[in-house]
Amino acid sequence: MKLYEFKQTLSEKEPPSDVAVYLQALWFDAKGDWDKAHQIVQDIDDENASWIHAYLHRKEGDVFNSDYWYNRAGKKRAKGSLENEWEEIVQTML
């Protein structure tokens, strides 16, 4: 699946069933359901989930918390737009 194909699924009521849990979280975030996205990744203990967790807290405006999660992900806080970071994460997870 390509980024544009993933974005096309945003018109559906549910995320694609054949994508990883990380992409499901990002799908819910793009649909405006921050809480569901956060719920999905908060208990997964790996770098991918930590990156998404960091992005979500950055989006929320909680810089201190987001920096903690970026550190757990082995990443620095993104400097660009939230949209650009979302796309970067999606492309990485695809």
PDB file of N, CA and C in Angstrom:
ATOM      1  N   MET A   1       0.846  -1.174   0.000  1.00  0.00           N
ATOM      2  CA  MET A   1       0.000   0.000   0.000  1.00  0.00           C
ATOM      3  C   MET A   1       0.892   1.238   0.000  1.00  0.00           C
ATOM      4  N   LYS A   2       0.491   2.229  -0.715  1.00  0.00           N
ATOM      5  CA  LYS A   2       1.197   3.514  -0.799  1.00  0.00           C
ATOM      6  C   LYS A   2       0.478   4.544   0.079  1.00  0.00           C
ATOM      7  N   LEU A   3       1.164   5.650   0.355  1.00  0.00           N
ATOM      8  CA  LEU A   3       0.591   6.707   1.190  1.00  0.00           C
ATOM      9  C   LEU A   3      -0.752   7.181   0.648  1.00  0.00           C
ATOM     10  N   TYR A   4      -0.826   7.453  -0.640  1.00  0.00           N
ATOM     11  CA  TYR A   4      -2.073   7.964  -1.204  1.00  0.00           C
ATOM     12  C   TYR A   4      -3.200   6.948  -1.070  1.00  0.00           C
ATOM     13  N   GLU A   5      -2.870   5.662  -1.151  1.00  0.00           N
ATOM     14  CA  GLU A   5      -3.887   4.624  -0.979  1.00  0.00           C
ATOM     15  C   GLU A   5      -4.368   4.571   0.473  1.00  0.00           C
ATOM     16  N   PHE A   6      -3.419   4.721   1.393  1.00  0.00           N
ATOM     17  CA  PHE A   6      -3.792   4.746   2.805  1.00  0.00           C
ATOM     18  C   PHE A   6      -4.699   5.942   3.080  1.00  0.00           C
ATOM     19  N   LYS A   7      -4.354   7.091   2.525  1.00  0.00           N
ATOM     20  CA  LYS A   7      -5.179   8.286   2.718  1.00  0.00           C
ATOM     21  C   LYS A   7      -6.588   8.085   2.160  1.00  0.00           C
ATOM     22  N   GLN A   8      -6.702   7.349   1.075  1.00  0.00           N
ATOM     23  CA  GLN A   8      -8.024   7.090   0.490  1.00  0.00           C
ATOM     24  C   GLN A   8      -8.915   6.298   1.442  1.00  0.00           C
ATOM     25  N   THR A   9      -8.319   5.475   2.296  1.00  0.00           N
ATOM     26  CA  THR A   9      -9.127   4.689   3.237  1.00  0.00           C
ATOM     27  C   THR A   9      -9.761   5.550   4.315  1.00  0.00           C
ATOM     28  N   LEU A  10      -9.332   6.803   4.429  1.00  0.00           N
ATOM     29  CA  LEU A  10      -9.886   7.689   5.445  1.00  0.00           C
ATOM     30  C   LEU A  10     -11.353   8.030   5.192  1.00  0.00           C
ATOM     31  N   SER A  11     -11.837   7.728   4.013  1.00  0.00           N
ATOM     32  CA  SER A  11     -13.259   7.948   3.727  1.00  0.00           C
ATOM     33  C   SER A  11     -14.122   6.788   4.240  1.00  0.00           C
ATOM     34  N   GLU A  12     -13.495   5.735   4.690  1.00  0.00           N
ATOM     35  CA  GLU A  12     -14.210   4.567   5.219  1.00  0.00           C
ATOM     36  C   GLU A  12     -14.546   4.781   6.704  1.00  0.00           C
ATOM     37  N   LYS A  13     -15.399   3.882   7.226  1.00  0.00           N
ATOM     38  CA  LYS A  13     -15.799   3.976   8.631  1.00  0.00           C
ATOM     39  C   LYS A  13     -14.824   3.295   9.576  1.00  0.00           C
ATOM     40  N   GLU A  14     -14.038   2.375   9.057  1.00  0.00           N
ATOM     41  CA  GLU A  14     -13.065   1.637   9.863  1.00  0.00           C
ATOM     42  C   GLU A  14     -11.745   1.571   9.107  1.00  0.00           C
ATOM     43  N   PRO A  15     -10.636   1.443   9.841  1.00  0.00           N
ATOM     44  CA  PRO A  15      -9.339   1.319   9.160  1.00  0.00           C
ATOM     45  C   PRO A  15      -9.257  -0.009   8.426  1.00  0.00           C
ATOM     46  N   PRO A  16      -8.386  -0.100   7.449  1.00  0.00           N
ATOM     47  CA  PRO A  16      -8.213  -1.372   6.746  1.00  0.00           C
ATOM     48  C   PRO A  16      -7.829  -2.468   7.749  1.00  0.00           C
ATOM     49  N   SER A  17      -8.402  -3.623   7.591  1.00  0.00           N
ATOM     50  CA  SER A  17      -8.160  -4.712   8.542  1.00  0.00           C
ATOM     51  C   SER A  17      -6.784  -5.346   8.365  1.00  0.00           C
ATOM     52  N   ASP A  18      -6.165  -5.098   7.224  1.00  0.00           N
ATOM     53  CA  ASP A  18      -4.885  -5.755   6.939  1.00  0.00           C
ATOM     54  C   ASP A  18      -3.667  -4.873   7.208  1.00  0.00           C
ATOM     55  N   VAL A  19      -3.842  -3.773   7.954  1.00  0.00           N
ATOM     56  CA  VAL A  19      -2.699  -2.924   8.270  1.00  0.00           C
ATOM     57  C   VAL A  19      -2.293  -3.120   9.727  1.00  0.00           C
ATOM     58  N   ALA A  20      -1.037  -2.832   9.989  1.00  0.00           N
ATOM     59  CA  ALA A  20      -0.491  -2.977  11.337  1.00  0.00           C
ATOM     60  C   ALA A  20      -1.195  -2.046  12.318  1.00  0.00           C
ATOM     61  N   VAL A  21      -1.117  -2.404  13.563  1.00  0.00           N
ATOM     62  CA  VAL A  21      -1.752  -1.632  14.627  1.00  0.00           C
ATOM     63  C   VAL A  21      -1.256  -0.180  14.626  1.00  0.00           C
ATOM     64  N   TYR A  22      -0.012   0.044  14.246  1.00  0.00           N
ATOM     65  CA  TYR A  22       0.532   1.406  14.187  1.00  0.00           C
ATOM     66  C   TYR A  22      -0.252   2.250  13.187  1.00  0.00           C
ATOM     67  N   LEU A  23      -0.522   1.664  12.041  1.00  0.00           N
ATOM     68  CA  LEU A  23      -1.270   2.383  11.009  1.00  0.00           C
ATOM     69  C   LEU A  23      -2.726   2.570  11.419  1.00  0.00           C
ATOM     70  N   GLN A  24      -3.258   1.646  12.164  1.00  0.00           N
ATOM     71  CA  GLN A  24      -4.619   1.824  12.676  1.00  0.00           C
ATOM     72  C   GLN A  24      -4.674   3.050  13.592  1.00  0.00           C
ATOM     73  N   ALA A  25      -3.677   3.199  14.449  1.00  0.00           N
ATOM     74  CA  ALA A  25      -3.630   4.361  15.331  1.00  0.00           C
ATOM     75  C   ALA A  25      -3.542   5.657  14.524  1.00  0.00           C
ATOM     76  N   LEU A  26      -2.688   5.680  13.531  1.00  0.00           N
ATOM     77  CA  LEU A  26      -2.541   6.876  12.695  1.00  0.00           C
ATOM     78  C   LEU A  26      -3.801   7.149  11.890  1.00  0.00           C
ATOM     79  N   TRP A  27      -4.505   6.101  11.492  1.00  0.00           N
ATOM     80  CA  TRP A  27      -5.769   6.244  10.774  1.00  0.00           C
ATOM     81  C   TRP A  27      -6.793   6.952  11.670  1.00  0.00           C
ATOM     82  N   PHE A  28      -6.920   6.481  12.914  1.00  0.00           N
ATOM     83  CA  PHE A  28      -7.874   7.102  13.840  1.00  0.00           C
ATOM     84  C   PHE A  28      -7.489   8.549  14.132  1.00  0.00           C
ATOM     85  N   ASP A  29      -6.198   8.816  14.251  1.00  0.00           N
ATOM     86  CA  ASP A  29      -5.770  10.190  14.459  1.00  0.00           C
ATOM     87  C   ASP A  29      -6.195  11.078  13.294  1.00  0.00           C
ATOM     88  N   ALA A  30      -5.978  10.607  12.090  1.00  0.00           N
ATOM     89  CA  ALA A  30      -6.344  11.392  10.901  1.00  0.00           C
ATOM     90  C   ALA A  30      -7.844  11.613  10.813  1.00  0.00           C
ATOM     91  N   LYS A  31      -8.613  10.705  11.388  1.00  0.00           N
ATOM     92  CA  LYS A  31     -10.074  10.831  11.398  1.00  0.00           C
ATOM     93  C   LYS A  31     -10.558  11.727  12.541  1.00  0.00           C
ATOM     94  N   GLY A  32      -9.615  12.250  13.337  1.00  0.00           N
ATOM     95  CA  GLY A  32      -9.975  13.152  14.420  1.00  0.00           C
ATOM     96  C   GLY A  32     -10.221  12.471  15.756  1.00  0.00           C
ATOM     97  N   ASP A  33      -9.881  11.190  15.853  1.00  0.00           N
ATOM     98  CA  ASP A  33     -10.093  10.451  17.096  1.00  0.00           C
ATOM     99  C   ASP A  33      -8.747  10.247  17.804  1.00  0.00           C
ATOM    100  N   TRP A  34      -8.240  11.338  18.389  1.00  0.00           N
ATOM    101  CA  TRP A  34      -6.958  11.321  19.085  1.00  0.00           C
ATOM    102  C   TRP A  34      -6.973  10.286  20.207  1.00  0.00           C
ATOM    103  N   ASP A  35      -8.078  10.240  20.949  1.00  0.00           N
ATOM    104  CA  ASP A  35      -8.171   9.323  22.089  1.00  0.00           C
ATOM    105  C   ASP A  35      -8.024   7.869  21.666  1.00  0.00           C
ATOM    106  N   LYS A  36      -8.681   7.481  20.600  1.00  0.00           N
ATOM    107  CA  LYS A  36      -8.586   6.102  20.109  1.00  0.00           C
ATOM    108  C   LYS A  36      -7.154   5.812  19.652  1.00  0.00           C
ATOM    109  N   ALA A  37      -6.550   6.750  18.934  1.00  0.00           N
ATOM    110  CA  ALA A  37      -5.167   6.573  18.482  1.00  0.00           C
ATOM    111  C   ALA A  37      -4.240   6.386  19.677  1.00  0.00           C
ATOM    112  N   HIS A  38      -4.419   7.203  20.682  1.00  0.00           N
ATOM    113  CA  HIS A  38      -3.588   7.130  21.885  1.00  0.00           C
ATOM    114  C   HIS A  38      -3.817   5.813  22.615  1.00  0.00           C
ATOM    115  N   GLN A  39      -5.058   5.407  22.713  1.00  0.00           N
ATOM    116  CA  GLN A  39      -5.396   4.147  23.380  1.00  0.00           C
ATOM    117  C   GLN A  39      -4.682   2.969  22.712  1.00  0.00           C
ATOM    118  N   ILE A  40      -4.604   2.990  21.401  1.00  0.00           N
ATOM    119  CA  ILE A  40      -3.986   1.895  20.654  1.00  0.00           C
ATOM    120  C   ILE A  40      -2.491   1.790  20.957  1.00  0.00           C
ATOM    121  N   VAL A  41      -1.786   2.923  20.989  1.00  0.00           N
ATOM    122  CA  VAL A  41      -0.322   2.862  21.109  1.00  0.00           C
ATOM    123  C   VAL A  41       0.211   2.943  22.534  1.00  0.00           C
ATOM    124  N   GLN A  42      -0.613   3.371  23.470  1.00  0.00           N
ATOM    125  CA  GLN A  42      -0.066   3.661  24.805  1.00  0.00           C
ATOM    126  C   GLN A  42       0.501   2.447  25.528  1.00  0.00           C
ATOM    127  N   ASP A  43       0.038   1.264  25.231  1.00  0.00           N
ATOM    128  CA  ASP A  43       0.531   0.076  25.931  1.00  0.00           C
ATOM    129  C   ASP A  43       1.460  -0.793  25.096  1.00  0.00           C
ATOM    130  N   ILE A  44       1.860  -0.309  23.920  1.00  0.00           N
ATOM    131  CA  ILE A  44       2.813  -1.049  23.090  1.00  0.00           C
ATOM    132  C   ILE A  44       4.203  -0.516  23.403  1.00  0.00           C
ATOM    133  N   ASP A  45       5.092  -1.398  23.788  1.00  0.00           N
ATOM    134  CA  ASP A  45       6.413  -0.997  24.240  1.00  0.00           C
ATOM    135  C   ASP A  45       7.466  -1.266  23.171  1.00  0.00           C
ATOM    136  N   ASP A  46       7.448  -0.431  22.118  1.00  0.00           N
ATOM    137  CA  ASP A  46       8.503  -0.505  21.113  1.00  0.00           C
ATOM    138  C   ASP A  46       8.715   0.882  20.514  1.00  0.00           C
ATOM    139  N   GLU A  47       9.742   1.010  19.698  1.00  0.00           N
ATOM    140  CA  GLU A  47      10.102   2.320  19.157  1.00  0.00           C
ATOM    141  C   GLU A  47       9.050   2.883  18.209  1.00  0.00           C
ATOM    142  N   ASN A  48       8.395   2.035  17.431  1.00  0.00           N
ATOM    143  CA  ASN A  48       7.369   2.529  16.508  1.00  0.00           C
ATOM    144  C   ASN A  48       6.206   3.154  17.275  1.00  0.00           C
ATOM    145  N   ALA A  49       5.711   2.444  18.279  1.00  0.00           N
ATOM    146  CA  ALA A  49       4.608   2.971  19.079  1.00  0.00           C
ATOM    147  C   ALA A  49       5.039   4.231  19.832  1.00  0.00           C
ATOM    148  N   SER A  50       6.273   4.237  20.301  1.00  0.00           N
ATOM    149  CA  SER A  50       6.776   5.418  21.011  1.00  0.00           C
ATOM    150  C   SER A  50       6.819   6.634  20.089  1.00  0.00           C
ATOM    151  N   TRP A  51       7.186   6.432  18.836  1.00  0.00           N
ATOM    152  CA  TRP A  51       7.212   7.547  17.875  1.00  0.00           C
ATOM    153  C   TRP A  51       5.811   8.096  17.663  1.00  0.00           C
ATOM    154  N   ILE A  52       4.849   7.211  17.475  1.00  0.00           N
ATOM    155  CA  ILE A  52       3.464   7.651  17.292  1.00  0.00           C
ATOM    156  C   ILE A  52       2.963   8.327  18.563  1.00  0.00           C
ATOM    157  N   HIS A  53       3.298   7.762  19.700  1.00  0.00           N
ATOM    158  CA  HIS A  53       2.915   8.331  20.983  1.00  0.00           C
ATOM    159  C   HIS A  53       3.486   9.752  21.110  1.00  0.00           C
ATOM    160  N   ALA A  54       4.748   9.920  20.725  1.00  0.00           N
ATOM    161  CA  ALA A  54       5.389  11.236  20.757  1.00  0.00           C
ATOM    162  C   ALA A  54       4.662  12.218  19.854  1.00  0.00           C
ATOM    163  N   TYR A  55       4.375  11.792  18.641  1.00  0.00           N
ATOM    164  CA  TYR A  55       3.646  12.636  17.688  1.00  0.00           C
ATOM    165  C   TYR A  55       2.295  13.072  18.273  1.00  0.00           C
ATOM    166  N   LEU A  56       1.577  12.119  18.864  1.00  0.00           N
ATOM    167  CA  LEU A  56       0.250  12.431  19.420  1.00  0.00           C
ATOM    168  C   LEU A  56       0.350  13.468  20.543  1.00  0.00           C
ATOM    169  N   HIS A  57       1.350  13.329  21.407  1.00  0.00           N
ATOM    170  CA  HIS A  57       1.492  14.308  22.489  1.00  0.00           C
ATOM    171  C   HIS A  57       1.985  15.650  21.957  1.00  0.00           C
ATOM    172  N   ARG A  58       2.776  15.631  20.907  1.00  0.00           N
ATOM    173  CA  ARG A  58       3.160  16.894  20.249  1.00  0.00           C
ATOM    174  C   ARG A  58       1.922  17.570  19.693  1.00  0.00           C
ATOM    175  N   LYS A  59       1.072  16.796  19.070  1.00  0.00           N
ATOM    176  CA  LYS A  59      -0.170  17.334  18.511  1.00  0.00           C
ATOM    177  C   LYS A  59      -1.049  17.914  19.612  1.00  0.00           C
ATOM    178  N   GLU A  60      -1.049  17.244  20.750  1.00  0.00           N
ATOM    179  CA  GLU A  60      -1.834  17.675  21.901  1.00  0.00           C
ATOM    180  C   GLU A  60      -1.282  18.971  22.494  1.00  0.00           C
ATOM    181  N   GLY A  61       0.002  19.236  22.238  1.00  0.00           N
ATOM    182  CA  GLY A  61       0.645  20.423  22.786  1.00  0.00           C
ATOM    183  C   GLY A  61       1.415  20.159  24.069  1.00  0.00           C
ATOM    184  N   ASP A  62       1.573  18.902  24.419  1.00  0.00           N
ATOM    185  CA  ASP A  62       2.291  18.507  25.631  1.00  0.00           C
ATOM    186  C   ASP A  62       3.749  18.210  25.264  1.00  0.00           C
ATOM    187  N   VAL A  63       4.552  19.245  25.168  1.00  0.00           N
ATOM    188  CA  VAL A  63       5.929  19.136  24.688  1.00  0.00           C
ATOM    189  C   VAL A  63       6.779  18.269  25.614  1.00  0.00           C
ATOM    190  N   PHE A  64       6.633  18.448  26.921  1.00  0.00           N
ATOM    191  CA  PHE A  64       7.429  17.667  27.865  1.00  0.00           C
ATOM    192  C   PHE A  64       7.177  16.173  27.664  1.00  0.00           C
ATOM    193  N   ASN A  65       5.923  15.791  27.608  1.00  0.00           N
ATOM    194  CA  ASN A  65       5.561  14.386  27.431  1.00  0.00           C
ATOM    195  C   ASN A  65       5.993  13.881  26.054  1.00  0.00           C
ATOM    196  N   SER A  66       5.805  14.700  25.029  1.00  0.00           N
ATOM    197  CA  SER A  66       6.199  14.261  23.684  1.00  0.00           C
ATOM    198  C   SER A  66       7.710  14.033  23.614  1.00  0.00           C
ATOM    199  N   ASP A  67       8.487  14.893  24.256  1.00  0.00           N
ATOM    200  CA  ASP A  67       9.937  14.717  24.240  1.00  0.00           C
ATOM    201  C   ASP A  67      10.351  13.409  24.916  1.00  0.00           C
ATOM    202  N   TYR A  68       9.655  13.040  25.987  1.00  0.00           N
ATOM    203  CA  TYR A  68       9.920  11.760  26.641  1.00  0.00           C
ATOM    204  C   TYR A  68       9.733  10.620  25.645  1.00  0.00           C
ATOM    205  N   TRP A  69       8.630  10.658  24.884  1.00  0.00           N
ATOM    206  CA  TRP A  69       8.331   9.580  23.936  1.00  0.00           C
ATOM    207  C   TRP A  69       9.241   9.609  22.723  1.00  0.00           C
ATOM    208  N   TYR A  70       9.629  10.808  22.261  1.00  0.00           N
ATOM    209  CA  TYR A  70      10.617  10.875  21.178  1.00  0.00           C
ATOM    210  C   TYR A  70      11.924  10.221  21.621  1.00  0.00           C
ATOM    211  N   ASN A  71      12.327  10.478  22.847  1.00  0.00           N
ATOM    212  CA  ASN A  71      13.548   9.869  23.379  1.00  0.00           C
ATOM    213  C   ASN A  71      13.409   8.344  23.399  1.00  0.00           C
ATOM    214  N   ARG A  72      12.271   7.834  23.825  1.00  0.00           N
ATOM    215  CA  ARG A  72      12.047   6.385  23.851  1.00  0.00           C
ATOM    216  C   ARG A  72      12.073   5.799  22.441  1.00  0.00           C
ATOM    217  N   ALA A  73      11.663   6.603  21.467  1.00  0.00           N
ATOM    218  CA  ALA A  73      11.649   6.157  20.071  1.00  0.00           C
ATOM    219  C   ALA A  73      13.012   6.304  19.404  1.00  0.00           C
ATOM    220  N   GLY A  74      13.948   6.966  20.084  1.00  0.00           N
ATOM    221  CA  GLY A  74      15.258   7.208  19.493  1.00  0.00           C
ATOM    222  C   GLY A  74      15.215   8.295  18.436  1.00  0.00           C
ATOM    223  N   LYS A  75      14.297   9.241  18.592  1.00  0.00           N
ATOM    224  CA  LYS A  75      14.110  10.318  17.609  1.00  0.00           C
ATOM    225  C   LYS A  75      14.169  11.672  18.301  1.00  0.00           C
ATOM    226  N   LYS A  76      14.408  12.684  17.505  1.00  0.00           N
ATOM    227  CA  LYS A  76      14.321  14.058  17.979  1.00  0.00           C
ATOM    228  C   LYS A  76      12.936  14.591  17.612  1.00  0.00           C
ATOM    229  N   ARG A  77      12.453  15.554  18.402  1.00  0.00           N
ATOM    230  CA  ARG A  77      11.151  16.154  18.122  1.00  0.00           C
ATOM    231  C   ARG A  77      11.151  16.744  16.714  1.00  0.00           C
ATOM    232  N   ALA A  78      10.109  16.451  15.976  1.00  0.00           N
ATOM    233  CA  ALA A  78       9.977  16.964  14.614  1.00  0.00           C
ATOM    234  C   ALA A  78       9.889  18.487  14.632  1.00  0.00           C
ATOM    235  N   LYS A  79      10.465  19.097  13.636  1.00  0.00           N
ATOM    236  CA  LYS A  79      10.456  20.561  13.522  1.00  0.00           C
ATOM    237  C   LYS A  79       9.380  21.038  12.543  1.00  0.00           C
ATOM    238  N   GLY A  80       8.977  20.160  11.628  1.00  0.00           N
ATOM    239  CA  GLY A  80       8.014  20.547  10.606  1.00  0.00           C
ATOM    240  C   GLY A  80       6.584  20.469  11.104  1.00  0.00           C
ATOM    241  N   SER A  81       5.680  20.509  10.164  1.00  0.00           N
ATOM    242  CA  SER A  81       4.255  20.485  10.500  1.00  0.00           C
ATOM    243  C   SER A  81       3.843  19.107  11.008  1.00  0.00           C
ATOM    244  N   LEU A  82       2.747  19.088  11.732  1.00  0.00           N
ATOM    245  CA  LEU A  82       2.180  17.821  12.193  1.00  0.00           C
ATOM    246  C   LEU A  82       1.788  16.948  11.011  1.00  0.00           C
ATOM    247  N   GLU A  83       1.246  17.565   9.973  1.00  0.00           N
ATOM    248  CA  GLU A  83       0.848  16.805   8.782  1.00  0.00           C
ATOM    249  C   GLU A  83       2.046  16.113   8.140  1.00  0.00           C
ATOM    250  N   ASN A  84       3.151  16.837   8.039  1.00  0.00           N
ATOM    251  CA  ASN A  84       4.359  16.234   7.456  1.00  0.00           C
ATOM    252  C   ASN A  84       4.876  15.083   8.311  1.00  0.00           C
ATOM    253  N   GLU A  85       4.827  15.263   9.625  1.00  0.00           N
ATOM    254  CA  GLU A  85       5.294  14.185  10.487  1.00  0.00           C
ATOM    255  C   GLU A  85       4.363  12.976  10.377  1.00  0.00           C
ATOM    256  N   TRP A  86       3.060  13.206  10.348  1.00  0.00           N
ATOM    257  CA  TRP A  86       2.094  12.118  10.203  1.00  0.00           C
ATOM    258  C   TRP A  86       2.405  11.331   8.928  1.00  0.00           C
ATOM    259  N   GLU A  87       2.614  12.036   7.825  1.00  0.00           N
ATOM    260  CA  GLU A  87       2.926  11.370   6.561  1.00  0.00           C
ATOM    261  C   GLU A  87       4.237  10.595   6.638  1.00  0.00           C
ATOM    262  N   GLU A  88       5.236  11.162   7.290  1.00  0.00           N
ATOM    263  CA  GLU A  88       6.520  10.468   7.438  1.00  0.00           C
ATOM    264  C   GLU A  88       6.355   9.178   8.230  1.00  0.00           C
ATOM    265  N   ILE A  89       5.586   9.254   9.312  1.00  0.00           N
ATOM    266  CA  ILE A  89       5.372   8.052  10.121  1.00  0.00           C
ATOM    267  C   ILE A  89       4.596   7.007   9.319  1.00  0.00           C
ATOM    268  N   VAL A  90       3.545   7.427   8.634  1.00  0.00           N
ATOM    269  CA  VAL A  90       2.750   6.483   7.835  1.00  0.00           C
ATOM    270  C   VAL A  90       3.639   5.806   6.790  1.00  0.00           C
ATOM    271  N   GLN A  91       4.422   6.588   6.069  1.00  0.00           N
ATOM    272  CA  GLN A  91       5.278   6.009   5.040  1.00  0.00           C
ATOM    273  C   GLN A  91       6.270   5.023   5.638  1.00  0.00           C
ATOM    274  N   THR A  92       6.788   5.328   6.802  1.00  0.00           N
ATOM    275  CA  THR A  92       7.717   4.424   7.464  1.00  0.00           C
ATOM    276  C   THR A  92       7.012   3.125   7.869  1.00  0.00           C
ATOM    277  N   MET A  93       5.783   3.233   8.358  1.00  0.00           N
ATOM    278  CA  MET A  93       5.041   2.057   8.817  1.00  0.00           C
ATOM    279  C   MET A  93       4.486   1.211   7.681  1.00  0.00           C
ATOM    280  N   LEU A  94       4.304   1.848   6.518  1.00  0.00           N
ATOM    281  CA  LEU A  94       3.829   1.077   5.356  1.00  0.00           C
ATOM    282  C   LEU A  94       4.932   0.167   4.877  1.00  0.00           C
TER     283      LEU A  94
END
